[in-house]
Amino acid sequence: MTPEWPAGLRDYVEDYLAEDETLSAARARGRELGCVPIGPAGGAALQFLATALQAKAVVEIGTGAGLSGLYLLRGMAQDGVLTSIDVQPEHQAAARQAFAGAGVAPGRTRLIMGSALDVLPRLTDSGYDLIFVDALKTEYPAYYEHGVRLLRPGGVLAFDNVLWGGRVVDPNDQEPHTNALREVTRLVKDDDRLVPVLLPIGDGLLVAAKTA
């Protein structure tokens, strides 16, 4: 959210690239399940990043209904594999439906059900091109620690919802989710191994490239 923008400008950005029926269906399923999907501009940014990186190995923390996964897969190399982690079986069932409906080959996705903090330690150090985080906000600082370890040099770490509806700039808001988002933003900014940028699209997308 960017409340300070002129009326209509946010919609102009979000609607710049229209979603097709496959993406719209996945977005609708996500809303039905109560997992708020990434906005169209954020999804386009993910596809752009995956394309620019020619990503072959991507980790997604928070499968949702598969919308962000579809964007990532559209940008990844044709033989790329998306590893997506979620604690909710109904989310992953919806994602499988979305991937199948989009004609994604089964071998291109690896859906893992479980807590990300249990799964991430089992993944290969420096083995991934891109890591996208859209899950439990209080765990974002821990995801950051794992993300830096898992990325190859030149890889990218991306966090959604880091503006949290503007609440991150309200000093009176000391709610745990808000504080965790402030903390991960600070950690990324202060890490000499990362080159970050905070993008004011959707509810805020924090992106950082690993230098070494």
N, C-alpha and C. Protein backbone atom coordinates (compact mmCIF):
# COMPACT_ATOMS: atom_id res chain seq x y z
N MET A 1 0.83 -1.20 0.00
CA MET A 1 0.00 0.00 0.00
C MET A 1 0.87 1.25 0.00
N THR A 2 0.43 2.23 -0.75
CA THR A 2 1.11 3.51 -0.75
C THR A 2 0.07 4.61 -0.63
N PRO A 3 -0.45 4.85 0.59
CA PRO A 3 -1.55 5.80 0.76
C PRO A 3 -1.23 7.21 0.29
N GLU A 4 0.07 7.57 0.27
CA GLU A 4 0.43 8.93 -0.10
C GLU A 4 0.40 9.15 -1.61
N TRP A 5 0.25 8.08 -2.40
CA TRP A 5 0.21 8.25 -3.84
C TRP A 5 -1.08 8.94 -4.27
N PRO A 6 -1.08 9.68 -5.38
CA PRO A 6 -2.31 10.28 -5.90
C PRO A 6 -3.36 9.20 -6.19
N ALA A 7 -4.60 9.57 -6.07
CA ALA A 7 -5.69 8.63 -6.33
C ALA A 7 -5.56 8.03 -7.72
N GLY A 8 -5.69 6.72 -7.78
CA GLY A 8 -5.64 6.03 -9.06
C GLY A 8 -4.26 5.57 -9.48
N LEU A 9 -3.20 6.10 -8.87
CA LEU A 9 -1.86 5.74 -9.32
C LEU A 9 -1.51 4.31 -8.94
N ARG A 10 -1.92 3.89 -7.75
CA ARG A 10 -1.64 2.51 -7.34
C ARG A 10 -2.32 1.53 -8.31
N ASP A 11 -3.56 1.80 -8.66
CA ASP A 11 -4.26 0.93 -9.61
C ASP A 11 -3.57 0.95 -10.97
N TYR A 12 -3.06 2.10 -11.35
CA TYR A 12 -2.33 2.21 -12.63
C TYR A 12 -1.14 1.27 -12.65
N VAL A 13 -0.41 1.21 -11.52
CA VAL A 13 0.75 0.33 -11.41
C VAL A 13 0.31 -1.13 -11.39
N GLU A 14 -0.68 -1.43 -10.54
CA GLU A 14 -1.11 -2.82 -10.38
C GLU A 14 -1.73 -3.38 -11.66
N ASP A 15 -2.37 -2.54 -12.44
CA ASP A 15 -3.07 -2.99 -13.65
C ASP A 15 -2.22 -2.87 -14.91
N TYR A 16 -0.97 -2.49 -14.76
CA TYR A 16 -0.11 -2.28 -15.93
C TYR A 16 -0.03 -3.53 -16.79
N LEU A 17 0.10 -4.69 -16.15
CA LEU A 17 0.11 -5.96 -16.86
C LEU A 17 -1.11 -6.77 -16.41
N ALA A 18 -2.03 -7.01 -17.31
CA ALA A 18 -3.26 -7.72 -16.96
C ALA A 18 -2.98 -9.20 -16.72
N GLU A 19 -3.67 -9.76 -15.76
CA GLU A 19 -3.55 -11.20 -15.49
C GLU A 19 -4.46 -11.99 -16.42
N ASP A 20 -3.97 -13.13 -16.88
CA ASP A 20 -4.79 -13.99 -17.73
C ASP A 20 -5.70 -14.87 -16.86
N GLU A 21 -6.47 -15.73 -17.51
CA GLU A 21 -7.45 -16.54 -16.79
C GLU A 21 -6.80 -17.49 -15.79
N THR A 22 -5.65 -18.02 -16.13
CA THR A 22 -4.97 -18.94 -15.22
C THR A 22 -4.56 -18.25 -13.93
N LEU A 23 -3.99 -17.06 -14.06
CA LEU A 23 -3.58 -16.31 -12.87
C LEU A 23 -4.81 -15.83 -12.08
N SER A 24 -5.83 -15.38 -12.79
CA SER A 24 -7.03 -14.90 -12.12
C SER A 24 -7.72 -16.01 -11.34
N ALA A 25 -7.71 -17.23 -11.88
CA ALA A 25 -8.31 -18.36 -11.19
C ALA A 25 -7.55 -18.70 -9.92
N ALA A 26 -6.22 -18.66 -10.00
CA ALA A 26 -5.41 -18.92 -8.82
C ALA A 26 -5.61 -17.84 -7.77
N ARG A 27 -5.75 -16.60 -8.20
CA ARG A 27 -6.00 -15.50 -7.26
C ARG A 27 -7.35 -15.70 -6.56
N ALA A 28 -8.36 -16.10 -7.31
CA ALA A 28 -9.68 -16.33 -6.71
C ALA A 28 -9.64 -17.47 -5.70
N ARG A 29 -8.92 -18.54 -6.01
CA ARG A 29 -8.81 -19.66 -5.06
C ARG A 29 -8.09 -19.22 -3.80
N GLY A 30 -7.07 -18.39 -3.95
CA GLY A 30 -6.35 -17.90 -2.79
C GLY A 30 -7.25 -17.10 -1.87
N ARG A 31 -8.07 -16.25 -2.44
CA ARG A 31 -9.00 -15.45 -1.64
C ARG A 31 -10.01 -16.34 -0.93
N GLU A 32 -10.48 -17.39 -1.61
CA GLU A 32 -11.43 -18.31 -1.00
C GLU A 32 -10.81 -19.03 0.20
N LEU A 33 -9.52 -19.32 0.10
CA LEU A 33 -8.83 -20.02 1.18
C LEU A 33 -8.37 -19.08 2.29
N GLY A 34 -8.49 -17.79 2.06
CA GLY A 34 -8.08 -16.83 3.08
C GLY A 34 -6.59 -16.55 3.10
N CYS A 35 -5.87 -16.97 2.06
CA CYS A 35 -4.45 -16.63 1.97
C CYS A 35 -4.31 -15.52 0.92
N VAL A 36 -4.03 -14.32 1.39
CA VAL A 36 -4.00 -13.15 0.51
C VAL A 36 -2.86 -13.30 -0.48
N PRO A 37 -3.15 -13.37 -1.78
CA PRO A 37 -2.08 -13.57 -2.76
C PRO A 37 -1.35 -12.27 -3.07
N ILE A 38 -0.16 -12.41 -3.61
CA ILE A 38 0.62 -11.25 -4.04
C ILE A 38 -0.14 -10.52 -5.14
N GLY A 39 0.01 -9.18 -5.18
CA GLY A 39 -0.67 -8.39 -6.18
C GLY A 39 -0.08 -8.58 -7.57
N PRO A 40 -0.79 -8.12 -8.59
CA PRO A 40 -0.29 -8.27 -9.96
C PRO A 40 1.08 -7.64 -10.19
N ALA A 41 1.32 -6.46 -9.62
CA ALA A 41 2.62 -5.82 -9.81
C ALA A 41 3.72 -6.61 -9.12
N GLY A 42 3.44 -7.11 -7.92
CA GLY A 42 4.42 -7.94 -7.23
C GLY A 42 4.69 -9.23 -7.97
N GLY A 43 3.62 -9.83 -8.51
CA GLY A 43 3.81 -11.05 -9.29
C GLY A 43 4.66 -10.80 -10.53
N ALA A 44 4.39 -9.68 -11.20
CA ALA A 44 5.19 -9.33 -12.37
C ALA A 44 6.66 -9.12 -11.99
N ALA A 45 6.89 -8.55 -10.81
CA ALA A 45 8.27 -8.36 -10.34
C ALA A 45 8.95 -9.71 -10.12
N LEU A 46 8.22 -10.68 -9.57
CA LEU A 46 8.80 -12.01 -9.38
C LEU A 46 9.15 -12.65 -10.72
N GLN A 47 8.25 -12.54 -11.68
CA GLN A 47 8.53 -13.10 -13.00
C GLN A 47 9.74 -12.41 -13.63
N PHE A 48 9.81 -11.11 -13.48
CA PHE A 48 10.96 -10.36 -13.99
C PHE A 48 12.26 -10.84 -13.36
N LEU A 49 12.27 -10.99 -12.03
CA LEU A 49 13.48 -11.43 -11.33
C LEU A 49 13.90 -12.83 -11.79
N ALA A 50 12.94 -13.74 -11.87
CA ALA A 50 13.26 -15.10 -12.29
C ALA A 50 13.81 -15.12 -13.71
N THR A 51 13.25 -14.25 -14.57
CA THR A 51 13.74 -14.18 -15.95
C THR A 51 15.14 -13.59 -16.01
N ALA A 52 15.36 -12.49 -15.29
CA ALA A 52 16.67 -11.83 -15.30
C ALA A 52 17.76 -12.75 -14.76
N LEU A 53 17.42 -13.56 -13.78
CA LEU A 53 18.38 -14.48 -13.18
C LEU A 53 18.53 -15.76 -13.98
N GLN A 54 17.66 -15.98 -14.96
CA GLN A 54 17.58 -17.27 -15.66
C GLN A 54 17.53 -18.39 -14.62
N ALA A 55 16.65 -18.20 -13.65
CA ALA A 55 16.63 -19.06 -12.47
C ALA A 55 16.27 -20.50 -12.80
N LYS A 56 17.06 -21.39 -12.25
CA LYS A 56 16.81 -22.84 -12.40
C LYS A 56 16.39 -23.47 -11.08
N ALA A 57 16.72 -22.82 -9.97
CA ALA A 57 16.38 -23.37 -8.65
C ALA A 57 15.84 -22.24 -7.79
N VAL A 58 14.57 -22.34 -7.43
CA VAL A 58 13.89 -21.29 -6.67
C VAL A 58 13.21 -21.91 -5.46
N VAL A 59 13.29 -21.20 -4.33
CA VAL A 59 12.57 -21.60 -3.12
C VAL A 59 11.49 -20.56 -2.83
N GLU A 60 10.29 -21.05 -2.57
CA GLU A 60 9.18 -20.19 -2.19
C GLU A 60 8.73 -20.60 -0.79
N ILE A 61 8.74 -19.65 0.13
CA ILE A 61 8.29 -19.91 1.50
C ILE A 61 6.89 -19.33 1.63
N GLY A 62 5.90 -20.20 1.61
CA GLY A 62 4.51 -19.79 1.59
C GLY A 62 3.92 -20.07 0.22
N THR A 63 3.36 -21.26 0.03
CA THR A 63 2.83 -21.66 -1.28
C THR A 63 1.56 -20.91 -1.64
N GLY A 64 0.71 -20.65 -0.63
CA GLY A 64 -0.58 -20.06 -0.92
C GLY A 64 -1.36 -20.95 -1.87
N ALA A 65 -2.09 -20.35 -2.80
CA ALA A 65 -2.86 -21.12 -3.77
C ALA A 65 -2.12 -21.27 -5.09
N GLY A 66 -0.83 -20.95 -5.10
CA GLY A 66 -0.01 -21.17 -6.29
C GLY A 66 0.17 -19.98 -7.20
N LEU A 67 -0.40 -18.83 -6.85
CA LEU A 67 -0.31 -17.68 -7.74
C LEU A 67 1.12 -17.19 -7.90
N SER A 68 1.81 -16.95 -6.79
CA SER A 68 3.20 -16.49 -6.89
C SER A 68 4.07 -17.56 -7.55
N GLY A 69 3.75 -18.83 -7.29
CA GLY A 69 4.50 -19.90 -7.95
C GLY A 69 4.34 -19.87 -9.46
N LEU A 70 3.14 -19.56 -9.93
CA LEU A 70 2.93 -19.46 -11.38
C LEU A 70 3.76 -18.34 -11.97
N TYR A 71 3.78 -17.19 -11.30
CA TYR A 71 4.60 -16.09 -11.78
C TYR A 71 6.08 -16.49 -11.83
N LEU A 72 6.55 -17.12 -10.77
CA LEU A 72 7.96 -17.55 -10.73
C LEU A 72 8.26 -18.54 -11.85
N LEU A 73 7.41 -19.53 -12.02
CA LEU A 73 7.64 -20.56 -13.04
C LEU A 73 7.66 -19.97 -14.44
N ARG A 74 6.84 -18.95 -14.67
CA ARG A 74 6.81 -18.32 -16.00
C ARG A 74 8.12 -17.61 -16.32
N GLY A 75 8.83 -17.18 -15.29
CA GLY A 75 10.09 -16.51 -15.53
C GLY A 75 11.30 -17.43 -15.51
N MET A 76 11.16 -18.57 -14.87
CA MET A 76 12.30 -19.49 -14.69
C MET A 76 12.69 -20.17 -16.00
N ALA A 77 13.90 -20.72 -16.00
CA ALA A 77 14.35 -21.52 -17.13
C ALA A 77 13.40 -22.71 -17.32
N GLN A 78 13.31 -23.19 -18.55
CA GLN A 78 12.36 -24.26 -18.87
C GLN A 78 12.60 -25.53 -18.05
N ASP A 79 13.83 -25.74 -17.64
CA ASP A 79 14.14 -26.93 -16.82
C ASP A 79 14.27 -26.56 -15.34
N GLY A 80 13.83 -25.36 -14.97
CA GLY A 80 13.93 -24.92 -13.59
C GLY A 80 12.94 -25.64 -12.68
N VAL A 81 13.31 -25.75 -11.41
CA VAL A 81 12.48 -26.42 -10.42
C VAL A 81 12.15 -25.46 -9.28
N LEU A 82 10.86 -25.36 -8.98
CA LEU A 82 10.37 -24.54 -7.88
C LEU A 82 10.12 -25.41 -6.67
N THR A 83 10.80 -25.11 -5.57
CA THR A 83 10.55 -25.77 -4.29
C THR A 83 9.68 -24.84 -3.45
N SER A 84 8.48 -25.28 -3.09
CA SER A 84 7.54 -24.43 -2.38
C SER A 84 7.11 -25.10 -1.07
N ILE A 85 7.17 -24.31 0.01
CA ILE A 85 6.95 -24.84 1.36
C ILE A 85 5.73 -24.17 1.97
N ASP A 86 4.84 -24.98 2.57
CA ASP A 86 3.66 -24.43 3.23
C ASP A 86 3.20 -25.42 4.30
N VAL A 87 2.60 -24.89 5.36
CA VAL A 87 2.11 -25.75 6.44
C VAL A 87 0.68 -26.21 6.21
N GLN A 88 -0.02 -25.60 5.26
CA GLN A 88 -1.43 -25.90 5.06
C GLN A 88 -1.63 -26.84 3.87
N PRO A 89 -2.16 -28.05 4.09
CA PRO A 89 -2.36 -28.97 2.98
C PRO A 89 -3.34 -28.47 1.93
N GLU A 90 -4.37 -27.70 2.37
CA GLU A 90 -5.33 -27.21 1.39
C GLU A 90 -4.71 -26.15 0.48
N HIS A 91 -3.71 -25.43 0.98
CA HIS A 91 -3.01 -24.48 0.14
C HIS A 91 -2.24 -25.21 -0.96
N GLN A 92 -1.53 -26.25 -0.58
CA GLN A 92 -0.74 -26.96 -1.57
C GLN A 92 -1.62 -27.73 -2.55
N ALA A 93 -2.77 -28.19 -2.09
CA ALA A 93 -3.70 -28.84 -3.02
C ALA A 93 -4.17 -27.84 -4.07
N ALA A 94 -4.48 -26.62 -3.63
CA ALA A 94 -4.89 -25.57 -4.57
C ALA A 94 -3.75 -25.22 -5.53
N ALA A 95 -2.53 -25.18 -5.02
CA ALA A 95 -1.38 -24.87 -5.87
C ALA A 95 -1.18 -25.96 -6.92
N ARG A 96 -1.32 -27.20 -6.52
CA ARG A 96 -1.18 -28.29 -7.50
C ARG A 96 -2.22 -28.15 -8.60
N GLN A 97 -3.44 -27.77 -8.22
CA GLN A 97 -4.49 -27.55 -9.20
C GLN A 97 -4.10 -26.41 -10.15
N ALA A 98 -3.56 -25.35 -9.60
CA ALA A 98 -3.15 -24.21 -10.42
C ALA A 98 -2.03 -24.60 -11.38
N PHE A 99 -1.05 -25.33 -10.88
CA PHE A 99 0.09 -25.72 -11.72
C PHE A 99 -0.36 -26.68 -12.83
N ALA A 100 -1.23 -27.63 -12.47
CA ALA A 100 -1.72 -28.57 -13.48
C ALA A 100 -2.53 -27.84 -14.53
N GLY A 101 -3.38 -26.90 -14.10
CA GLY A 101 -4.19 -26.14 -15.04
C GLY A 101 -3.37 -25.29 -15.98
N ALA A 102 -2.17 -24.89 -15.53
CA ALA A 102 -1.28 -24.08 -16.36
C ALA A 102 -0.38 -24.94 -17.24
N GLY A 103 -0.50 -26.26 -17.13
CA GLY A 103 0.32 -27.15 -17.95
C GLY A 103 1.75 -27.28 -17.47
N VAL A 104 2.00 -26.99 -16.19
CA VAL A 104 3.35 -27.11 -15.64
C VAL A 104 3.68 -28.59 -15.45
N ALA A 105 4.79 -29.02 -15.97
CA ALA A 105 5.19 -30.42 -15.82
C ALA A 105 5.40 -30.75 -14.34
N PRO A 106 4.94 -31.91 -13.88
CA PRO A 106 5.06 -32.26 -12.46
C PRO A 106 6.49 -32.19 -11.93
N GLY A 107 7.47 -32.50 -12.76
CA GLY A 107 8.85 -32.49 -12.32
C GLY A 107 9.42 -31.10 -12.08
N ARG A 108 8.66 -30.06 -12.45
CA ARG A 108 9.16 -28.69 -12.27
C ARG A 108 8.78 -28.10 -10.91
N THR A 109 7.98 -28.81 -10.14
CA THR A 109 7.60 -28.32 -8.83
C THR A 109 7.86 -29.37 -7.76
N ARG A 110 8.31 -28.90 -6.62
CA ARG A 110 8.52 -29.76 -5.46
C ARG A 110 7.82 -29.09 -4.29
N LEU A 111 6.65 -29.59 -3.96
CA LEU A 111 5.86 -29.01 -2.88
C LEU A 111 6.12 -29.78 -1.59
N ILE A 112 6.54 -29.04 -0.58
CA ILE A 112 6.89 -29.65 0.70
C ILE A 112 5.96 -29.09 1.77
N MET A 113 5.23 -29.99 2.43
CA MET A 113 4.33 -29.55 3.49
C MET A 113 5.05 -29.62 4.83
N GLY A 114 5.05 -28.50 5.55
CA GLY A 114 5.70 -28.46 6.84
C GLY A 114 6.13 -27.05 7.18
N SER A 115 6.66 -26.89 8.37
CA SER A 115 7.17 -25.60 8.81
C SER A 115 8.44 -25.26 8.04
N ALA A 116 8.50 -24.05 7.51
CA ALA A 116 9.69 -23.65 6.75
C ALA A 116 10.95 -23.74 7.61
N LEU A 117 10.84 -23.42 8.88
CA LEU A 117 12.03 -23.45 9.75
C LEU A 117 12.51 -24.87 10.00
N ASP A 118 11.67 -25.87 9.74
CA ASP A 118 12.10 -27.26 9.81
C ASP A 118 12.67 -27.73 8.47
N VAL A 119 12.13 -27.18 7.38
CA VAL A 119 12.52 -27.63 6.05
C VAL A 119 13.79 -26.95 5.56
N LEU A 120 13.92 -25.65 5.77
CA LEU A 120 15.04 -24.90 5.22
C LEU A 120 16.42 -25.43 5.62
N PRO A 121 16.63 -25.87 6.85
CA PRO A 121 17.95 -26.40 7.20
C PRO A 121 18.37 -27.62 6.37
N ARG A 122 17.42 -28.27 5.73
CA ARG A 122 17.74 -29.47 4.94
C ARG A 122 18.07 -29.14 3.49
N LEU A 123 17.92 -27.88 3.10
CA LEU A 123 18.20 -27.49 1.73
C LEU A 123 19.68 -27.14 1.56
N THR A 124 20.15 -27.21 0.32
CA THR A 124 21.58 -27.11 0.01
C THR A 124 22.11 -25.68 0.08
N ASP A 125 23.21 -25.49 0.79
CA ASP A 125 23.86 -24.19 0.86
C ASP A 125 24.24 -23.72 -0.55
N SER A 126 24.02 -22.43 -0.81
CA SER A 126 24.42 -21.80 -2.08
C SER A 126 23.84 -22.52 -3.30
N GLY A 127 22.68 -23.15 -3.12
CA GLY A 127 22.13 -23.96 -4.20
C GLY A 127 20.98 -23.33 -4.96
N TYR A 128 20.64 -22.07 -4.64
CA TYR A 128 19.42 -21.50 -5.20
C TYR A 128 19.66 -20.11 -5.80
N ASP A 129 18.91 -19.83 -6.86
CA ASP A 129 19.03 -18.56 -7.58
C ASP A 129 18.14 -17.47 -6.98
N LEU A 130 17.00 -17.87 -6.44
CA LEU A 130 15.99 -16.91 -5.99
C LEU A 130 15.20 -17.53 -4.83
N ILE A 131 14.96 -16.74 -3.81
CA ILE A 131 14.15 -17.17 -2.68
C ILE A 131 13.09 -16.11 -2.44
N PHE A 132 11.84 -16.54 -2.46
CA PHE A 132 10.72 -15.62 -2.24
C PHE A 132 10.00 -15.99 -0.96
N VAL A 133 9.76 -14.98 -0.11
CA VAL A 133 9.16 -15.20 1.20
C VAL A 133 7.82 -14.46 1.30
N ASP A 134 6.76 -15.23 1.56
CA ASP A 134 5.44 -14.66 1.81
C ASP A 134 4.73 -15.61 2.76
N ALA A 135 5.13 -15.58 4.01
CA ALA A 135 4.63 -16.54 5.00
C ALA A 135 4.48 -15.82 6.34
N LEU A 136 4.64 -16.55 7.43
CA LEU A 136 4.43 -15.98 8.76
C LEU A 136 5.41 -14.84 9.01
N LYS A 137 4.88 -13.64 9.25
CA LYS A 137 5.73 -12.45 9.31
C LYS A 137 6.69 -12.47 10.51
N THR A 138 6.27 -13.04 11.62
CA THR A 138 7.15 -13.08 12.79
C THR A 138 8.39 -13.93 12.55
N GLU A 139 8.36 -14.77 11.54
CA GLU A 139 9.52 -15.63 11.23
C GLU A 139 10.40 -15.06 10.12
N TYR A 140 10.06 -13.88 9.60
CA TYR A 140 10.86 -13.30 8.52
C TYR A 140 12.34 -13.16 8.87
N PRO A 141 12.70 -12.68 10.07
CA PRO A 141 14.13 -12.60 10.38
C PRO A 141 14.85 -13.95 10.31
N ALA A 142 14.17 -15.01 10.73
CA ALA A 142 14.78 -16.34 10.64
C ALA A 142 14.88 -16.80 9.19
N TYR A 143 13.88 -16.48 8.38
CA TYR A 143 13.94 -16.83 6.96
C TYR A 143 15.11 -16.10 6.28
N TYR A 144 15.35 -14.87 6.70
CA TYR A 144 16.48 -14.12 6.15
C TYR A 144 17.79 -14.86 6.39
N GLU A 145 18.00 -15.34 7.61
CA GLU A 145 19.24 -16.05 7.94
C GLU A 145 19.42 -17.26 7.03
N HIS A 146 18.37 -18.04 6.87
CA HIS A 146 18.46 -19.22 5.99
C HIS A 146 18.62 -18.79 4.54
N GLY A 147 17.92 -17.74 4.14
CA GLY A 147 17.95 -17.32 2.75
C GLY A 147 19.34 -16.94 2.28
N VAL A 148 20.07 -16.20 3.08
CA VAL A 148 21.42 -15.80 2.70
C VAL A 148 22.30 -17.04 2.54
N ARG A 149 22.13 -18.01 3.41
CA ARG A 149 22.91 -19.25 3.31
C ARG A 149 22.58 -20.04 2.05
N LEU A 150 21.32 -20.06 1.68
CA LEU A 150 20.88 -20.89 0.56
C LEU A 150 21.19 -20.28 -0.80
N LEU A 151 21.34 -18.96 -0.88
CA LEU A 151 21.55 -18.30 -2.16
C LEU A 151 22.96 -18.49 -2.70
N ARG A 152 23.05 -18.66 -4.00
CA ARG A 152 24.34 -18.60 -4.68
C ARG A 152 24.75 -17.14 -4.80
N PRO A 153 26.04 -16.84 -5.00
CA PRO A 153 26.43 -15.46 -5.30
C PRO A 153 25.69 -14.96 -6.53
N GLY A 154 25.13 -13.76 -6.43
CA GLY A 154 24.31 -13.22 -7.51
C GLY A 154 22.85 -13.56 -7.39
N GLY A 155 22.50 -14.45 -6.46
CA GLY A 155 21.11 -14.80 -6.24
C GLY A 155 20.35 -13.69 -5.53
N VAL A 156 19.04 -13.82 -5.50
CA VAL A 156 18.18 -12.76 -4.98
C VAL A 156 17.23 -13.30 -3.92
N LEU A 157 17.09 -12.52 -2.85
CA LEU A 157 16.17 -12.79 -1.76
C LEU A 157 15.07 -11.74 -1.80
N ALA A 158 13.80 -12.18 -1.75
CA ALA A 158 12.68 -11.24 -1.85
C ALA A 158 11.65 -11.52 -0.76
N PHE A 159 11.22 -10.45 -0.08
CA PHE A 159 10.21 -10.54 0.98
C PHE A 159 9.00 -9.69 0.60
N ASP A 160 7.81 -10.29 0.70
CA ASP A 160 6.58 -9.54 0.41
C ASP A 160 6.01 -8.96 1.70
N ASN A 161 5.17 -7.93 1.55
CA ASN A 161 4.40 -7.32 2.65
C ASN A 161 5.25 -6.54 3.65
N VAL A 162 6.41 -6.06 3.26
CA VAL A 162 7.29 -5.41 4.23
C VAL A 162 6.84 -4.01 4.63
N LEU A 163 5.88 -3.42 3.91
CA LEU A 163 5.33 -2.13 4.33
C LEU A 163 4.15 -2.31 5.29
N TRP A 164 3.53 -3.48 5.23
CA TRP A 164 2.50 -3.89 6.20
C TRP A 164 1.40 -2.83 6.33
N GLY A 165 0.93 -2.38 5.17
CA GLY A 165 -0.15 -1.41 5.17
C GLY A 165 0.23 -0.07 5.77
N GLY A 166 1.52 0.23 5.80
CA GLY A 166 1.99 1.49 6.38
C GLY A 166 2.29 1.41 7.86
N ARG A 167 2.01 0.27 8.48
CA ARG A 167 2.17 0.18 9.93
C ARG A 167 3.62 0.19 10.37
N VAL A 168 4.55 -0.16 9.49
CA VAL A 168 5.96 -0.19 9.87
C VAL A 168 6.51 1.19 10.21
N VAL A 169 5.85 2.25 9.75
CA VAL A 169 6.35 3.60 10.04
C VAL A 169 5.60 4.24 11.21
N ASP A 170 4.73 3.48 11.84
CA ASP A 170 4.00 3.99 12.99
C ASP A 170 4.72 3.56 14.27
N PRO A 171 5.40 4.49 14.98
CA PRO A 171 6.17 4.11 16.16
C PRO A 171 5.29 3.55 17.29
N ASN A 172 4.01 3.82 17.25
CA ASN A 172 3.11 3.31 18.28
C ASN A 172 2.69 1.86 18.04
N ASP A 173 2.97 1.37 16.84
CA ASP A 173 2.62 -0.01 16.52
C ASP A 173 3.79 -0.92 16.88
N GLN A 174 3.67 -1.62 17.99
CA GLN A 174 4.71 -2.53 18.46
C GLN A 174 4.23 -3.98 18.40
N GLU A 175 3.28 -4.23 17.52
CA GLU A 175 2.76 -5.58 17.35
C GLU A 175 3.87 -6.48 16.81
N PRO A 176 3.93 -7.78 17.22
CA PRO A 176 5.05 -8.65 16.83
C PRO A 176 5.28 -8.76 15.34
N HIS A 177 4.21 -8.84 14.54
CA HIS A 177 4.40 -8.93 13.10
C HIS A 177 5.05 -7.66 12.55
N THR A 178 4.61 -6.53 13.03
CA THR A 178 5.17 -5.26 12.57
C THR A 178 6.64 -5.15 12.95
N ASN A 179 6.96 -5.51 14.18
CA ASN A 179 8.35 -5.44 14.62
C ASN A 179 9.24 -6.40 13.85
N ALA A 180 8.72 -7.56 13.52
CA ALA A 180 9.51 -8.53 12.75
C ALA A 180 9.81 -8.00 11.35
N LEU A 181 8.85 -7.31 10.74
CA LEU A 181 9.08 -6.74 9.42
C LEU A 181 10.09 -5.60 9.48
N ARG A 182 10.02 -4.79 10.53
CA ARG A 182 11.04 -3.75 10.72
C ARG A 182 12.42 -4.40 10.87
N GLU A 183 12.47 -5.49 11.64
CA GLU A 183 13.74 -6.14 11.93
C GLU A 183 14.36 -6.74 10.68
N VAL A 184 13.56 -7.44 9.86
CA VAL A 184 14.14 -8.06 8.67
C VAL A 184 14.60 -6.99 7.68
N THR A 185 13.87 -5.88 7.62
CA THR A 185 14.29 -4.79 6.73
C THR A 185 15.63 -4.22 7.19
N ARG A 186 15.81 -4.10 8.50
CA ARG A 186 17.09 -3.60 9.03
C ARG A 186 18.20 -4.61 8.79
N LEU A 187 17.94 -5.88 9.03
CA LEU A 187 18.95 -6.92 8.86
C LEU A 187 19.46 -6.96 7.42
N VAL A 188 18.53 -6.90 6.48
CA VAL A 188 18.92 -6.93 5.07
C VAL A 188 19.74 -5.69 4.71
N LYS A 189 19.33 -4.54 5.21
CA LYS A 189 20.04 -3.29 4.90
C LYS A 189 21.46 -3.30 5.47
N ASP A 190 21.64 -3.90 6.65
CA ASP A 190 22.94 -3.86 7.32
C ASP A 190 23.86 -5.00 6.93
N ASP A 191 23.40 -5.93 6.11
CA ASP A 191 24.21 -7.10 5.73
C ASP A 191 25.12 -6.73 4.55
N ASP A 192 26.42 -6.77 4.79
CA ASP A 192 27.39 -6.38 3.75
C ASP A 192 27.40 -7.35 2.58
N ARG A 193 26.81 -8.51 2.75
CA ARG A 193 26.76 -9.49 1.66
C ARG A 193 25.62 -9.23 0.69
N LEU A 194 24.75 -8.27 1.02
CA LEU A 194 23.55 -8.04 0.23
C LEU A 194 23.50 -6.62 -0.32
N VAL A 195 22.91 -6.49 -1.50
CA VAL A 195 22.62 -5.18 -2.08
C VAL A 195 21.10 -5.08 -2.17
N PRO A 196 20.45 -4.31 -1.27
CA PRO A 196 19.00 -4.31 -1.20
C PRO A 196 18.34 -3.14 -1.89
N VAL A 197 17.05 -3.31 -2.16
CA VAL A 197 16.20 -2.21 -2.60
C VAL A 197 14.80 -2.50 -2.07
N LEU A 198 14.13 -1.45 -1.58
CA LEU A 198 12.78 -1.57 -1.07
C LEU A 198 11.83 -0.99 -2.11
N LEU A 199 11.02 -1.84 -2.69
CA LEU A 199 10.14 -1.44 -3.78
C LEU A 199 8.72 -1.20 -3.26
N PRO A 200 8.15 -0.01 -3.48
CA PRO A 200 6.82 0.31 -2.97
C PRO A 200 5.71 -0.16 -3.89
N ILE A 201 5.75 -1.43 -4.26
CA ILE A 201 4.67 -2.00 -5.06
C ILE A 201 3.87 -2.95 -4.18
N GLY A 202 2.57 -3.02 -4.42
CA GLY A 202 1.72 -3.82 -3.57
C GLY A 202 1.84 -3.36 -2.13
N ASP A 203 2.12 -4.29 -1.24
CA ASP A 203 2.30 -3.98 0.18
C ASP A 203 3.78 -3.92 0.53
N GLY A 204 4.62 -3.68 -0.47
CA GLY A 204 6.05 -3.54 -0.24
C GLY A 204 6.80 -4.82 -0.55
N LEU A 205 7.78 -4.74 -1.44
CA LEU A 205 8.60 -5.88 -1.81
C LEU A 205 10.06 -5.52 -1.54
N LEU A 206 10.67 -6.20 -0.57
CA LEU A 206 12.07 -5.99 -0.24
C LEU A 206 12.89 -7.02 -1.03
N VAL A 207 13.82 -6.52 -1.84
CA VAL A 207 14.61 -7.38 -2.71
C VAL A 207 16.09 -7.11 -2.44
N ALA A 208 16.88 -8.20 -2.37
CA ALA A 208 18.31 -8.04 -2.11
C ALA A 208 19.10 -9.07 -2.89
N ALA A 209 20.16 -8.63 -3.57
CA ALA A 209 21.04 -9.53 -4.30
C ALA A 209 22.25 -9.87 -3.43
N LYS A 210 22.65 -11.13 -3.46
CA LYS A 210 23.79 -11.59 -2.69
C LYS A 210 25.07 -11.37 -3.50
N THR A 211 26.03 -10.69 -2.91
CA THR A 211 27.26 -10.36 -3.65
C THR A 211 28.30 -11.46 -3.59
N ALA A 212 28.34 -12.21 -2.49
CA ALA A 212 29.36 -13.26 -2.34
C ALA A 212 28.87 -14.30 -1.37
